[in-house]
Amino acid sequence: FLDLLVLEPRSASGDIPQSPRQLEAGEAKEKCEADIVRLNNNSLSDISTLPCVLDSLLLHPSSLAWLDLSFNHLEEISTVLSTLTSLSTLYLHGNNISTLWHVERLSSLGKLHRFTLHGNQVETSRTYRQHVLWAVPQLQHFDFSAVTKSDRATASAWSVMRKPSRRAAKKEEKA
C-alpha cells in the first residue's frame, strides 16, 4: 500500500494538490498499481485536479474501478468524475452535495454499479432515489442497498411523470 499521507500532507484549504510537483518530500519513486483509491475523511472541497493526482500516483489511472470520496466537504458532483470511465464503485456519502441534478453527470459511467450519496442535503428530496436510479440506471446497489425491480419500476414511472406535457412544452417554445 502507498501511504498518501506521506506523499502530501492535508492542506488547510481542503484541496488536493494542484500538480504532481506539489508531491514533494516522501514522494514515491514508482507509481502504484492499484484500481482502488480511498480519499475519504480528508476535508476535500475541490477535486478538479483529481485526474492529475491519479496520473502521478497510479500506473494505470484509466483502470480506476473504486473511488471513495466519502466524508469530505464536496458541494457538487464534479464533472471530473465523468472522466473516470472504469469506475464501478463510487462513494460520495457524508459530503455537502445539495443539487440532485448533478447526479446526471454520472450517466456516462456505464460500469458504475455501486454508488452512495446518503448523508448529503440531496437526500431530503422526495424524489431522491427515483432521480438517481433514473439518471444512472445500471446501478445494482445504491446507498448500500440492492436496487430492486420495484425500485426500477418506480424510477421508470417517475421519469414518465416528470416529462413536461406537450401543452406545457409548446407554451415554453412560444415564450
C-alpha atoms as a PDB file:
ATOM      1  CA  PHE A   1       0.000   0.000   0.000  1.00  0.00           C
ATOM      2  CA  LEU A   2       1.053   3.525  -0.707  1.00  0.00           C
ATOM      3  CA  ASP A   3       0.520   5.905   2.198  1.00  0.00           C
ATOM      4  CA  LEU A   4      -0.826   9.120   0.714  1.00  0.00           C
ATOM      5  CA  LEU A   5      -0.303  10.951   3.987  1.00  0.00           C
ATOM      6  CA  VAL A   6       3.441  10.532   3.479  1.00  0.00           C
ATOM      7  CA  LEU A   7       3.182  11.885  -0.051  1.00  0.00           C
ATOM      8  CA  GLU A   8       1.189  15.014   0.666  1.00  0.00           C
ATOM      9  CA  PRO A   9       0.078  16.430   3.977  1.00  0.00           C
ATOM     10  CA  ARG A  10      -3.512  17.619   4.106  1.00  0.00           C
ATOM     11  CA  SER A  11      -3.831  21.216   3.117  1.00  0.00           C
ATOM     12  CA  ALA A  12      -5.791  23.646   5.231  1.00  0.00           C
ATOM     13  CA  SER A  13      -7.834  24.680   2.199  1.00  0.00           C
ATOM     14  CA  GLY A  14      -9.237  21.196   1.656  1.00  0.00           C
ATOM     15  CA  ASP A  15      -7.935  20.992  -1.911  1.00  0.00           C
ATOM     16  CA  ILE A  16      -5.968  18.132  -3.386  1.00  0.00           C
ATOM     17  CA  PRO A  17      -2.525  19.034  -4.791  1.00  0.00           C
ATOM     18  CA  GLN A  18      -2.613  21.227  -7.898  1.00  0.00           C
ATOM     19  CA  SER A  19       0.101  19.365  -9.761  1.00  0.00           C
ATOM     20  CA  PRO A  20       2.477  16.411  -9.418  1.00  0.00           C
ATOM     21  CA  ARG A  21       5.200  18.910  -8.478  1.00  0.00           C
ATOM     22  CA  GLN A  22       3.408  19.507  -5.204  1.00  0.00           C
ATOM     23  CA  LEU A  23       4.054  15.891  -4.254  1.00  0.00           C
ATOM     24  CA  GLU A  24       7.341  16.765  -2.607  1.00  0.00           C
ATOM     25  CA  ALA A  25       9.126  15.114   0.340  1.00  0.00           C
ATOM     26  CA  GLY A  26       8.469  11.411   0.627  1.00  0.00           C
ATOM     27  CA  GLU A  27       7.358  11.078  -2.979  1.00  0.00           C
ATOM     28  CA  ALA A  28       7.110   7.508  -4.178  1.00  0.00           C
ATOM     29  CA  LYS A  29       9.806   6.554  -6.699  1.00  0.00           C
ATOM     30  CA  GLU A  30       7.425   4.234  -8.533  1.00  0.00           C
ATOM     31  CA  LYS A  31       3.776   4.501  -9.386  1.00  0.00           C
ATOM     32  CA  CYS A  32       1.349   2.249  -7.621  1.00  0.00           C
ATOM     33  CA  GLU A  33      -0.517  -0.496  -9.475  1.00  0.00           C
ATOM     34  CA  ALA A  34      -3.945  -0.081  -7.911  1.00  0.00           C
ATOM     35  CA  ASP A  35      -7.534   0.214  -9.030  1.00  0.00           C
ATOM     36  CA  ILE A  36      -8.905   1.454  -5.687  1.00  0.00           C
ATOM     37  CA  VAL A  37      -8.345   4.909  -4.211  1.00  0.00           C
ATOM     38  CA  ARG A  38      -9.720   5.908  -0.843  1.00  0.00           C
ATOM     39  CA  LEU A  39      -9.695   9.636  -0.188  1.00  0.00           C
ATOM     40  CA  ASN A  40     -12.395   9.557   2.462  1.00  0.00           C
ATOM     41  CA  ASN A  41     -12.301  11.708   5.614  1.00  0.00           C
ATOM     42  CA  ASN A  42      -9.867  14.258   4.181  1.00  0.00           C
ATOM     43  CA  SER A  43     -11.827  17.549   4.278  1.00  0.00           C
ATOM     44  CA  LEU A  44     -11.609  17.790   0.472  1.00  0.00           C
ATOM     45  CA  SER A  45     -13.738  20.551  -1.025  1.00  0.00           C
ATOM     46  CA  ASP A  46     -12.395  20.528  -4.589  1.00  0.00           C
ATOM     47  CA  ILE A  47     -11.454  17.542  -6.748  1.00  0.00           C
ATOM     48  CA  SER A  48     -10.826  19.379 -10.019  1.00  0.00           C
ATOM     49  CA  THR A  49      -7.191  18.238 -10.061  1.00  0.00           C
ATOM     50  CA  LEU A  50      -8.019  14.610  -9.264  1.00  0.00           C
ATOM     51  CA  PRO A  51      -7.032  13.315 -12.747  1.00  0.00           C
ATOM     52  CA  CYS A  52      -3.600  14.924 -12.425  1.00  0.00           C
ATOM     53  CA  VAL A  53      -3.092  13.404  -8.981  1.00  0.00           C
ATOM     54  CA  LEU A  54      -4.214   9.966 -10.186  1.00  0.00           C
ATOM     55  CA  ASP A  55      -1.799  10.219 -13.127  1.00  0.00           C
ATOM     56  CA  SER A  56       1.067  10.958 -10.768  1.00  0.00           C
ATOM     57  CA  LEU A  57       0.246   8.135  -8.339  1.00  0.00           C
ATOM     58  CA  LEU A  58      -1.190   5.280 -10.388  1.00  0.00           C
ATOM     59  CA  LEU A  59       0.429   3.140 -13.030  1.00  0.00           C
ATOM     60  CA  HIS A  60      -2.909   2.772 -14.860  1.00  0.00           C
ATOM     61  CA  PRO A  61      -5.186   5.639 -13.759  1.00  0.00           C
ATOM     62  CA  SER A  62      -7.684   4.814 -16.504  1.00  0.00           C
ATOM     63  CA  SER A  63      -8.312   1.466 -14.772  1.00  0.00           C
ATOM     64  CA  LEU A  64      -9.549   3.063 -11.544  1.00  0.00           C
ATOM     65  CA  ALA A  65     -12.559   0.972 -10.503  1.00  0.00           C
ATOM     66  CA  TRP A  66     -13.275   2.113  -6.946  1.00  0.00           C
ATOM     67  CA  LEU A  67     -13.172   5.675  -5.625  1.00  0.00           C
ATOM     68  CA  ASP A  68     -14.113   6.591  -2.071  1.00  0.00           C
ATOM     69  CA  LEU A  69     -14.646  10.324  -1.544  1.00  0.00           C
ATOM     70  CA  SER A  70     -16.979   9.934   1.429  1.00  0.00           C
ATOM     71  CA  PHE A  71     -16.959  12.221   4.461  1.00  0.00           C
ATOM     72  CA  ASN A  72     -15.309  15.195   2.818  1.00  0.00           C
ATOM     73  CA  HIS A  73     -16.653  18.694   2.124  1.00  0.00           C
ATOM     74  CA  LEU A  74     -17.646  18.291  -1.521  1.00  0.00           C
ATOM     75  CA  GLU A  75     -20.570  20.517  -2.545  1.00  0.00           C
ATOM     76  CA  GLU A  76     -21.183  19.111  -6.007  1.00  0.00           C
ATOM     77  CA  ILE A  77     -20.741  16.018  -8.114  1.00  0.00           C
ATOM     78  CA  SER A  78     -17.842  17.254 -10.201  1.00  0.00           C
ATOM     79  CA  THR A  79     -17.713  16.725 -13.965  1.00  0.00           C
ATOM     80  CA  VAL A  80     -14.212  15.321 -13.343  1.00  0.00           C
ATOM     81  CA  LEU A  81     -15.858  12.120 -12.110  1.00  0.00           C
ATOM     82  CA  SER A  82     -17.470  11.514 -15.506  1.00  0.00           C
ATOM     83  CA  THR A  83     -13.981  11.099 -16.991  1.00  0.00           C
ATOM     84  CA  LEU A  84     -13.265   8.058 -14.806  1.00  0.00           C
ATOM     85  CA  THR A  85     -14.936   5.632 -17.194  1.00  0.00           C
ATOM     86  CA  SER A  86     -13.789   2.423 -15.485  1.00  0.00           C
ATOM     87  CA  LEU A  87     -15.422   3.274 -12.159  1.00  0.00           C
ATOM     88  CA  SER A  88     -17.664   0.529 -10.846  1.00  0.00           C
ATOM     89  CA  THR A  89     -17.904   1.847  -7.260  1.00  0.00           C
ATOM     90  CA  LEU A  90     -18.193   5.483  -6.181  1.00  0.00           C
ATOM     91  CA  TYR A  91     -18.767   6.609  -2.598  1.00  0.00           C
ATOM     92  CA  LEU A  92     -19.877  10.211  -2.099  1.00  0.00           C
ATOM     93  CA  HIS A  93     -21.840   9.816   1.135  1.00  0.00           C
ATOM     94  CA  GLY A  94     -21.353  12.229   4.007  1.00  0.00           C
ATOM     95  CA  ASN A  95     -20.490  15.325   1.953  1.00  0.00           C
ATOM     96  CA  ASN A  96     -22.349  18.630   1.371  1.00  0.00           C
ATOM     97  CA  ILE A  97     -23.902  17.884  -2.025  1.00  0.00           C
ATOM     98  CA  SER A  98     -27.156  19.809  -2.375  1.00  0.00           C
ATOM     99  CA  THR A  99     -28.055  19.727  -6.088  1.00  0.00           C
ATOM    100  CA  LEU A 100     -29.779  16.499  -7.121  1.00  0.00           C
ATOM    101  CA  TRP A 101     -29.498  17.037 -10.871  1.00  0.00           C
ATOM    102  CA  HIS A 102     -25.687  16.846 -10.577  1.00  0.00           C
ATOM    103  CA  VAL A 103     -26.085  13.065 -10.378  1.00  0.00           C
ATOM    104  CA  GLU A 104     -26.878  13.159 -14.098  1.00  0.00           C
ATOM    105  CA  ARG A 105     -23.185  13.899 -14.651  1.00  0.00           C
ATOM    106  CA  LEU A 106     -22.551  10.233 -13.826  1.00  0.00           C
ATOM    107  CA  SER A 107     -24.845   8.883 -16.547  1.00  0.00           C
ATOM    108  CA  SER A 108     -21.884   8.253 -18.869  1.00  0.00           C
ATOM    109  CA  LEU A 109     -20.249   5.853 -16.395  1.00  0.00           C
ATOM    110  CA  GLY A 110     -21.593   2.628 -17.881  1.00  0.00           C
ATOM    111  CA  LYS A 111     -19.633   0.395 -15.479  1.00  0.00           C
ATOM    112  CA  LEU A 112     -20.859   2.173 -12.327  1.00  0.00           C
ATOM    113  CA  HIS A 113     -22.783  -0.425 -10.295  1.00  0.00           C
ATOM    114  CA  ARG A 114     -22.320   0.743  -6.689  1.00  0.00           C
ATOM    115  CA  PHE A 115     -22.957   4.325  -5.657  1.00  0.00           C
ATOM    116  CA  THR A 116     -23.580   6.108  -2.359  1.00  0.00           C
ATOM    117  CA  LEU A 117     -24.923   9.595  -1.827  1.00  0.00           C
ATOM    118  CA  HIS A 118     -26.750   9.401   1.509  1.00  0.00           C
ATOM    119  CA  GLY A 119     -25.837  11.847   4.233  1.00  0.00           C
ATOM    120  CA  ASN A 120     -25.906  14.750   1.774  1.00  0.00           C
ATOM    121  CA  GLN A 121     -28.512  17.501   1.567  1.00  0.00           C
ATOM    122  CA  VAL A 122     -29.887  15.952  -1.652  1.00  0.00           C
ATOM    123  CA  GLU A 123     -31.186  13.027   0.392  1.00  0.00           C
ATOM    124  CA  THR A 124     -34.067  15.191   1.652  1.00  0.00           C
ATOM    125  CA  SER A 125     -35.611  15.422  -1.822  1.00  0.00           C
ATOM    126  CA  ARG A 126     -38.863  13.453  -2.137  1.00  0.00           C
ATOM    127  CA  THR A 127     -37.663  12.017  -5.454  1.00  0.00           C
ATOM    128  CA  TYR A 128     -34.086  11.330  -4.347  1.00  0.00           C
ATOM    129  CA  ARG A 129     -33.953   7.567  -5.009  1.00  0.00           C
ATOM    130  CA  GLN A 130     -36.049   7.720  -8.190  1.00  0.00           C
ATOM    131  CA  HIS A 131     -33.942  10.511  -9.660  1.00  0.00           C
ATOM    132  CA  VAL A 132     -30.663   8.704  -9.016  1.00  0.00           C
ATOM    133  CA  LEU A 133     -31.930   5.392 -10.412  1.00  0.00           C
ATOM    134  CA  TRP A 134     -33.316   7.182 -13.462  1.00  0.00           C
ATOM    135  CA  ALA A 135     -30.045   9.066 -14.080  1.00  0.00           C
ATOM    136  CA  VAL A 136     -27.797   6.040 -13.500  1.00  0.00           C
ATOM    137  CA  PRO A 137     -29.998   3.076 -14.496  1.00  0.00           C
ATOM    138  CA  GLN A 138     -27.236   0.466 -14.443  1.00  0.00           C
ATOM    139  CA  LEU A 139     -26.798   0.744 -10.653  1.00  0.00           C
ATOM    140  CA  GLN A 140     -27.106  -2.545  -8.804  1.00  0.00           C
ATOM    141  CA  HIS A 141     -26.532  -1.088  -5.317  1.00  0.00           C
ATOM    142  CA  PHE A 142     -27.433   2.409  -4.199  1.00  0.00           C
ATOM    143  CA  ASP A 143     -26.719   3.741  -0.702  1.00  0.00           C
ATOM    144  CA  PHE A 144     -25.576   0.284   0.421  1.00  0.00           C
ATOM    145  CA  SER A 145     -28.843  -1.439  -0.519  1.00  0.00           C
ATOM    146  CA  ALA A 146     -29.658  -3.542  -3.553  1.00  0.00           C
ATOM    147  CA  VAL A 147     -31.654  -1.946  -6.347  1.00  0.00           C
ATOM    148  CA  THR A 148     -34.844  -3.988  -6.754  1.00  0.00           C
ATOM    149  CA  LYS A 149     -37.225  -4.464  -9.674  1.00  0.00           C
ATOM    150  CA  SER A 150     -39.696  -2.337  -7.736  1.00  0.00           C
ATOM    151  CA  ASP A 151     -37.116   0.456  -7.445  1.00  0.00           C
ATOM    152  CA  ARG A 152     -36.574   0.353 -11.197  1.00  0.00           C
ATOM    153  CA  ALA A 153     -40.314   0.387 -11.900  1.00  0.00           C
ATOM    154  CA  THR A 154     -40.807   3.364  -9.584  1.00  0.00           C
ATOM    155  CA  ALA A 155     -37.912   5.242 -11.217  1.00  0.00           C
ATOM    156  CA  SER A 156     -39.318   4.493 -14.658  1.00  0.00           C
ATOM    157  CA  ALA A 157     -42.796   5.717 -13.676  1.00  0.00           C
ATOM    158  CA  TRP A 158     -41.273   8.818 -12.089  1.00  0.00           C
ATOM    159  CA  SER A 159     -39.330   9.609 -15.270  1.00  0.00           C
ATOM    160  CA  VAL A 160     -42.526   9.458 -17.322  1.00  0.00           C
ATOM    161  CA  MET A 161     -44.347  11.728 -14.860  1.00  0.00           C
ATOM    162  CA  ARG A 162     -41.540  14.288 -14.781  1.00  0.00           C
ATOM    163  CA  LYS A 163     -41.579  14.836 -18.535  1.00  0.00           C
ATOM    164  CA  PRO A 164     -43.435  18.062 -19.344  1.00  0.00           C
ATOM    165  CA  SER A 165     -46.724  17.618 -21.138  1.00  0.00           C
ATOM    166  CA  ARG A 166     -46.884  18.506 -24.823  1.00  0.00           C
ATOM    167  CA  ARG A 167     -49.051  21.503 -23.999  1.00  0.00           C
ATOM    168  CA  ALA A 168     -46.502  22.807 -21.454  1.00  0.00           C
ATOM    169  CA  ALA A 169     -43.641  22.175 -23.896  1.00  0.00           C
ATOM    170  CA  LYS A 170     -45.445  24.144 -26.615  1.00  0.00           C
ATOM    171  CA  LYS A 171     -46.001  27.055 -24.205  1.00  0.00           C
ATOM    172  CA  GLU A 172     -42.282  27.106 -23.444  1.00  0.00           C
ATOM    173  CA  GLU A 173     -41.430  27.064 -27.155  1.00  0.00           C
ATOM    174  CA  LYS A 174     -43.699  30.071 -27.840  1.00  0.00           C
ATOM    175  CA  ALA A 175     -42.292  32.069 -24.931  1.00  0.00           C
END
